[in-house]
Amino acid sequence: MNFVALVVLAVIQGVTELLPVSSSAHVIMAQRLMGLDPGAPDMTFLLVMLHTGTMGAVLVYFWPRWRRLLVGEDRFSFLKRVVLATVWTGVLGLGLKVGIEKLVLERFGGYAHAEVEQLFRNLPLIGTSVLAVGVVSLVAGRREASAGHAQVSGRQATLIGIVQALCLPFRGFSRSGATISTALLCGVSQSLAEEFSFALAVLVTPPVVALELQRLWHAQAEAAAGGIGMGTGLSGLVPGVVGMGLSFAAGLVALRWLSAVLAQGRWRYFGYYCFVAAAGVFLGHLVWGL
């Protein structure tokens, strides 16, 4: 992968990751158009590194707002709800991963040593996921005008965590779009829905990065054992670090825009965009054979 391709992927990731339009769908489509394999270990690791860059942007952008939530009598309430939602995401997400790999892909799909990342090559599934999050965003857009709750309850946090878990294996089902929409549908205020969603993203990113790094090193070891040269594990870190910096910068721009859209009560517009994006994915698959 050349430097131009890396820049394109990093900018796409940085902008779309923090908008509720599914960064994965956009990045995977770009990879397919450039002849890259989205399911390859080095590509999925690069995608996770780009996610890390955008999470750095989230930390810089949201820390002043999170700090206000961590003071006063209820200073631990927000943090406990974030941890609760993350636990639900971890338990259900791991269950989905094992179920998809062992039951769906291996038993019914006939794959040997199946990995959930193989779904990233399935554009019809990705298009359906983008369409689904578009519907959810459109419905949630009807609720965003209400004042909303000032705190996230345990029940709301549980539901948001469960929805986030569904986003992990199904690329195209935007994590930010699904979790913010779920919070809005639960009656959470616009600003708190945004703050809670991205706090979850910061907690879930490190273990995902670790899993993808382990997957990359495992693939390197298997290739070396079979006499196939894939380079070293460190070679994948160089484009990953460069892309991480680029996606960080693009992410800061996207976050400012997202906050403005939420403040203006235009969340439903992201739903409309998802419909267009889903049509583009289906068109790319059916017409161009991506």
Protein backbone atom coordinates (compact mmCIF):
# COMPACT_ATOMS: atom_id res chain seq x y z
CA MET A 1 0.00 0.00 0.00
CA ASN A 2 1.46 3.34 -1.06
CA PHE A 3 1.45 6.58 0.89
CA VAL A 4 -1.39 8.13 -1.12
CA ALA A 5 -3.65 5.17 -0.32
CA LEU A 6 -2.72 5.46 3.36
CA VAL A 7 -3.60 9.17 3.41
CA VAL A 8 -6.94 8.52 1.69
CA LEU A 9 -7.89 5.76 4.13
CA ALA A 10 -6.77 7.81 7.16
CA VAL A 11 -8.80 10.87 6.15
CA ILE A 12 -11.88 8.79 5.34
CA GLN A 13 -11.57 6.99 8.67
CA GLY A 14 -10.93 10.15 10.65
CA VAL A 15 -13.94 11.96 9.23
CA THR A 16 -16.47 9.12 9.12
CA GLU A 17 -15.51 7.32 12.36
CA LEU A 18 -16.79 10.18 14.46
CA LEU A 19 -19.87 10.75 12.36
CA PRO A 20 -22.77 8.27 12.55
CA VAL A 21 -22.34 7.05 8.98
CA SER A 22 -20.15 3.94 9.51
CA SER A 23 -16.46 4.57 8.99
CA SER A 24 -15.90 0.86 8.38
CA ALA A 25 -18.25 0.80 5.38
CA HIS A 26 -16.52 3.81 3.84
CA VAL A 27 -13.00 2.51 4.50
CA ILE A 28 -13.81 -1.01 3.27
CA MET A 29 -15.34 0.37 0.06
CA ALA A 30 -12.24 2.52 -0.46
CA GLN A 31 -10.01 -0.51 0.14
CA ARG A 32 -11.95 -2.57 -2.40
CA LEU A 33 -11.76 0.23 -4.97
CA MET A 34 -7.98 0.35 -4.47
CA GLY A 35 -7.67 -3.43 -4.81
CA LEU A 36 -6.92 -4.07 -1.12
CA ASP A 37 -8.32 -6.94 0.94
CA PRO A 38 -10.34 -5.57 3.92
CA GLY A 39 -10.22 -8.94 5.67
CA ALA A 40 -6.44 -9.35 5.57
CA PRO A 41 -4.71 -9.14 8.97
CA ASP A 42 -2.58 -6.13 8.01
CA MET A 43 -5.63 -4.26 6.70
CA THR A 44 -7.79 -4.92 9.75
CA PHE A 45 -4.87 -3.93 11.98
CA LEU A 46 -4.43 -0.70 10.01
CA LEU A 47 -8.13 0.00 10.42
CA VAL A 48 -7.82 -0.44 14.18
CA MET A 49 -4.80 1.88 14.29
CA LEU A 50 -6.83 4.48 12.42
CA HIS A 51 -9.56 3.99 15.03
CA THR A 52 -6.93 4.65 17.69
CA GLY A 53 -6.08 7.98 16.08
CA THR A 54 -9.69 9.07 16.12
CA MET A 55 -9.99 7.98 19.74
CA GLY A 56 -7.10 10.29 20.52
CA ALA A 57 -9.14 13.08 18.95
CA VAL A 58 -12.07 12.04 21.13
CA LEU A 59 -9.95 12.32 24.29
CA VAL A 60 -8.71 15.79 23.38
CA TYR A 61 -12.13 17.05 22.34
CA PHE A 62 -14.32 15.57 25.07
CA TRP A 63 -12.06 15.73 28.13
CA PRO A 64 -13.23 19.23 29.18
CA ARG A 65 -16.85 18.04 28.95
CA TRP A 66 -16.19 14.74 30.73
CA ARG A 67 -14.35 16.58 33.49
CA ARG A 68 -17.52 18.56 34.26
CA LEU A 69 -19.41 15.28 34.60
CA LEU A 70 -16.85 13.90 37.05
CA VAL A 71 -17.37 16.56 39.72
CA GLY A 72 -20.10 17.04 42.30
CA GLU A 73 -22.18 14.56 44.25
CA ASP A 74 -22.87 12.34 41.22
CA ARG A 75 -19.29 12.33 39.97
CA PHE A 76 -19.09 8.54 39.92
CA SER A 77 -22.48 7.99 38.31
CA PHE A 78 -21.31 8.71 34.76
CA LEU A 79 -18.20 6.55 35.12
CA LYS A 80 -20.14 3.62 36.60
CA ARG A 81 -22.66 3.74 33.76
CA VAL A 82 -19.85 3.77 31.19
CA VAL A 83 -18.24 0.73 32.84
CA LEU A 84 -21.59 -1.07 33.02
CA ALA A 85 -22.27 -0.52 29.32
CA THR A 86 -18.73 -1.62 28.44
CA VAL A 87 -19.11 -4.86 30.42
CA TRP A 88 -22.28 -5.68 28.50
CA THR A 89 -20.47 -4.89 25.24
CA GLY A 90 -17.55 -7.13 26.16
CA VAL A 91 -19.63 -10.12 27.26
CA LEU A 92 -22.12 -10.00 24.40
CA GLY A 93 -19.51 -8.98 21.83
CA LEU A 94 -17.29 -11.94 22.71
CA GLY A 95 -20.30 -14.26 22.56
CA LEU A 96 -21.24 -12.94 19.13
CA LYS A 97 -17.68 -13.37 17.88
CA VAL A 98 -17.49 -16.99 19.00
CA GLY A 99 -21.00 -17.76 17.76
CA ILE A 100 -20.40 -16.26 14.32
CA GLU A 101 -17.03 -17.94 13.89
CA LYS A 102 -17.88 -21.40 15.23
CA LEU A 103 -21.53 -21.74 14.27
CA VAL A 104 -22.24 -19.52 11.27
CA LEU A 105 -18.93 -19.47 9.40
CA GLU A 106 -17.43 -22.86 10.27
CA ARG A 107 -20.48 -25.09 10.63
CA PHE A 108 -22.80 -23.55 8.04
CA GLY A 109 -20.34 -21.59 5.90
CA GLY A 110 -17.78 -24.35 5.56
CA TYR A 111 -14.83 -22.16 6.57
CA ALA A 112 -11.86 -23.71 8.35
CA HIS A 113 -10.44 -21.65 11.21
CA ALA A 114 -13.03 -18.95 10.58
CA GLU A 115 -12.56 -15.39 11.78
CA VAL A 116 -15.27 -12.79 12.17
CA GLU A 117 -13.14 -10.43 10.03
CA GLN A 118 -14.18 -12.51 7.02
CA LEU A 119 -17.51 -10.71 7.21
CA PHE A 120 -15.68 -7.51 6.27
CA ARG A 121 -15.49 -8.83 2.70
CA ASN A 122 -19.27 -9.21 2.47
CA LEU A 123 -20.52 -5.97 0.89
CA PRO A 124 -24.24 -6.94 0.88
CA LEU A 125 -24.03 -7.48 4.65
CA ILE A 126 -22.23 -4.16 5.09
CA GLY A 127 -24.80 -2.37 2.94
CA THR A 128 -27.64 -3.86 4.97
CA SER A 129 -25.94 -2.74 8.20
CA VAL A 130 -25.55 0.83 6.90
CA LEU A 131 -29.21 0.82 5.89
CA ALA A 132 -30.21 -0.42 9.35
CA VAL A 133 -28.32 2.30 11.20
CA GLY A 134 -29.86 4.83 8.83
CA VAL A 135 -33.33 3.72 9.89
CA VAL A 136 -32.37 3.89 13.57
CA SER A 137 -30.87 7.37 13.14
CA LEU A 138 -33.97 8.59 11.31
CA VAL A 139 -36.27 7.33 14.06
CA ALA A 140 -34.03 8.77 16.78
CA GLY A 141 -34.03 12.11 15.01
CA ARG A 142 -37.66 12.50 15.96
CA ARG A 143 -36.74 12.38 19.67
CA GLU A 144 -33.70 14.67 19.75
CA ALA A 145 -35.73 17.85 20.15
CA SER A 146 -36.81 16.86 23.66
CA ALA A 147 -34.92 18.14 26.70
CA GLY A 148 -33.80 14.65 27.74
CA HIS A 149 -32.50 13.17 30.99
CA ALA A 150 -29.51 14.75 32.69
CA GLN A 151 -28.10 11.33 33.64
CA VAL A 152 -27.86 7.90 32.06
CA SER A 153 -29.64 5.26 34.12
CA GLY A 154 -28.38 1.72 34.64
CA ARG A 155 -31.10 0.35 32.37
CA GLN A 156 -30.25 2.83 29.62
CA ALA A 157 -26.53 2.08 29.95
CA THR A 158 -27.24 -1.65 29.64
CA LEU A 159 -29.27 -1.18 26.47
CA ILE A 160 -26.64 1.10 24.93
CA GLY A 161 -23.91 -1.44 25.77
CA ILE A 162 -25.88 -4.25 24.14
CA VAL A 163 -26.42 -2.20 20.99
CA GLN A 164 -22.71 -1.34 20.89
CA ALA A 165 -21.89 -5.06 21.02
CA LEU A 166 -23.96 -5.62 17.87
CA CYS A 167 -21.78 -3.08 16.06
CA LEU A 168 -18.51 -4.96 16.66
CA PRO A 169 -18.89 -7.89 14.22
CA PHE A 170 -21.19 -6.13 11.74
CA ARG A 171 -19.11 -3.49 10.01
CA GLY A 172 -21.44 -0.91 8.54
CA PHE A 173 -23.62 -0.74 11.66
CA SER A 174 -22.09 2.51 12.87
CA ARG A 175 -21.05 2.37 16.53
CA SER A 176 -21.49 6.08 17.16
CA GLY A 177 -24.70 6.22 15.13
CA ALA A 178 -26.24 3.23 16.89
CA THR A 179 -25.25 4.20 20.44
CA ILE A 180 -26.16 7.89 20.16
CA SER A 181 -29.46 6.99 18.50
CA THR A 182 -30.22 4.45 21.23
CA ALA A 183 -29.50 7.07 23.90
CA LEU A 184 -31.77 9.58 22.18
CA LEU A 185 -34.55 6.98 21.92
CA CYS A 186 -34.12 6.31 25.65
CA GLY A 187 -34.72 9.98 26.34
CA VAL A 188 -31.12 11.00 27.05
CA SER A 189 -30.26 14.60 26.18
CA GLN A 190 -28.33 15.30 22.97
CA SER A 191 -25.08 16.44 24.60
CA LEU A 192 -25.05 13.60 27.16
CA ALA A 193 -25.80 11.02 24.46
CA GLU A 194 -22.76 12.24 22.53
CA GLU A 195 -20.51 12.33 25.61
CA PHE A 196 -21.58 8.87 26.76
CA SER A 197 -21.19 7.27 23.34
CA PHE A 198 -17.62 8.47 22.86
CA ALA A 199 -16.65 7.60 26.43
CA LEU A 200 -17.62 4.03 25.54
CA ALA A 201 -15.50 4.21 22.40
CA VAL A 202 -12.41 5.14 24.41
CA LEU A 203 -12.81 2.09 26.67
CA VAL A 204 -13.54 -0.42 23.93
CA THR A 205 -10.72 0.61 21.56
CA PRO A 206 -7.64 -0.66 23.53
CA PRO A 207 -8.79 -4.32 23.76
CA VAL A 208 -9.79 -4.27 20.09
CA VAL A 209 -6.33 -2.97 19.16
CA ALA A 210 -4.75 -5.73 21.25
CA LEU A 211 -6.85 -8.43 19.58
CA GLU A 212 -6.01 -7.20 16.09
CA LEU A 213 -2.31 -6.98 16.92
CA GLN A 214 -2.45 -10.56 18.18
CA ARG A 215 -4.25 -11.60 14.98
CA LEU A 216 -1.59 -9.92 12.83
CA TRP A 217 1.28 -11.58 14.67
CA HIS A 218 -0.50 -14.95 14.45
CA ALA A 219 -0.90 -14.53 10.68
CA GLN A 220 2.78 -13.58 10.39
CA ALA A 221 3.78 -16.72 12.30
CA GLU A 222 1.59 -18.98 10.16
CA ALA A 223 2.93 -17.43 6.96
CA ALA A 224 6.52 -17.86 8.14
CA ALA A 225 5.86 -21.49 9.06
CA GLY A 226 4.48 -22.08 5.58
CA GLY A 227 7.41 -20.39 3.90
CA ILE A 228 5.34 -17.38 2.82
CA GLY A 229 6.90 -13.96 3.33
CA MET A 230 4.59 -11.39 4.90
CA GLY A 231 7.24 -9.14 6.39
CA THR A 232 7.45 -8.61 10.11
CA GLY A 233 4.85 -7.56 12.61
CA LEU A 234 6.67 -4.25 13.09
CA SER A 235 6.30 -3.39 9.39
CA GLY A 236 2.58 -3.01 9.89
CA LEU A 237 3.15 -0.54 12.71
CA VAL A 238 4.81 2.09 10.51
CA PRO A 239 1.82 2.83 8.22
CA GLY A 240 -0.42 2.32 11.25
CA VAL A 241 1.31 5.06 13.26
CA VAL A 242 1.34 7.47 10.30
CA GLY A 243 -2.31 6.79 9.59
CA MET A 244 -3.13 7.22 13.27
CA GLY A 245 -1.75 10.76 13.22
CA LEU A 246 -3.68 11.66 10.09
CA SER A 247 -6.94 10.22 11.39
CA PHE A 248 -6.43 12.15 14.66
CA ALA A 249 -6.36 15.46 12.79
CA ALA A 250 -9.35 14.58 10.61
CA GLY A 251 -11.23 13.35 13.68
CA LEU A 252 -10.99 16.69 15.47
CA VAL A 253 -12.62 18.41 12.50
CA ALA A 254 -15.38 15.80 12.35
CA LEU A 255 -16.17 16.09 16.07
CA ARG A 256 -16.72 19.83 15.87
CA TRP A 257 -19.13 19.30 13.00
CA LEU A 258 -20.98 16.48 14.79
CA SER A 259 -21.56 18.61 17.88
CA ALA A 260 -22.90 21.42 15.71
CA VAL A 261 -25.31 19.10 13.91
CA LEU A 262 -26.63 17.70 17.20
CA ALA A 263 -27.04 21.19 18.64
CA GLN A 264 -29.04 22.23 15.56
CA GLY A 265 -31.39 19.23 15.83
CA ARG A 266 -30.38 17.70 12.50
CA TRP A 267 -29.49 14.16 13.58
CA ARG A 268 -31.98 12.68 11.11
CA TYR A 269 -29.89 13.99 8.21
CA PHE A 270 -27.28 11.35 9.01
CA GLY A 271 -30.02 8.76 8.52
CA TYR A 272 -30.72 10.10 5.05
CA TYR A 273 -27.03 9.98 4.23
CA CYS A 274 -26.82 6.35 5.37
CA PHE A 275 -29.54 5.45 2.87
CA VAL A 276 -27.44 6.98 0.09
CA ALA A 277 -24.27 5.27 1.38
CA ALA A 278 -26.03 1.89 1.55
CA ALA A 279 -27.21 2.33 -2.05
CA GLY A 280 -23.60 3.06 -3.03
CA VAL A 281 -22.38 -0.14 -1.36
CA PHE A 282 -25.02 -2.27 -3.09
CA LEU A 283 -24.29 -0.56 -6.40
CA GLY A 284 -20.56 -1.18 -6.04
CA HIS A 285 -21.21 -4.86 -5.39
CA LEU A 286 -23.85 -5.49 -8.06
CA VAL A 287 -22.56 -3.28 -10.88
CA TRP A 288 -18.80 -3.18 -10.40
CA GLY A 289 -18.42 -6.56 -8.70
CA LEU A 290 -16.51 -5.24 -5.71
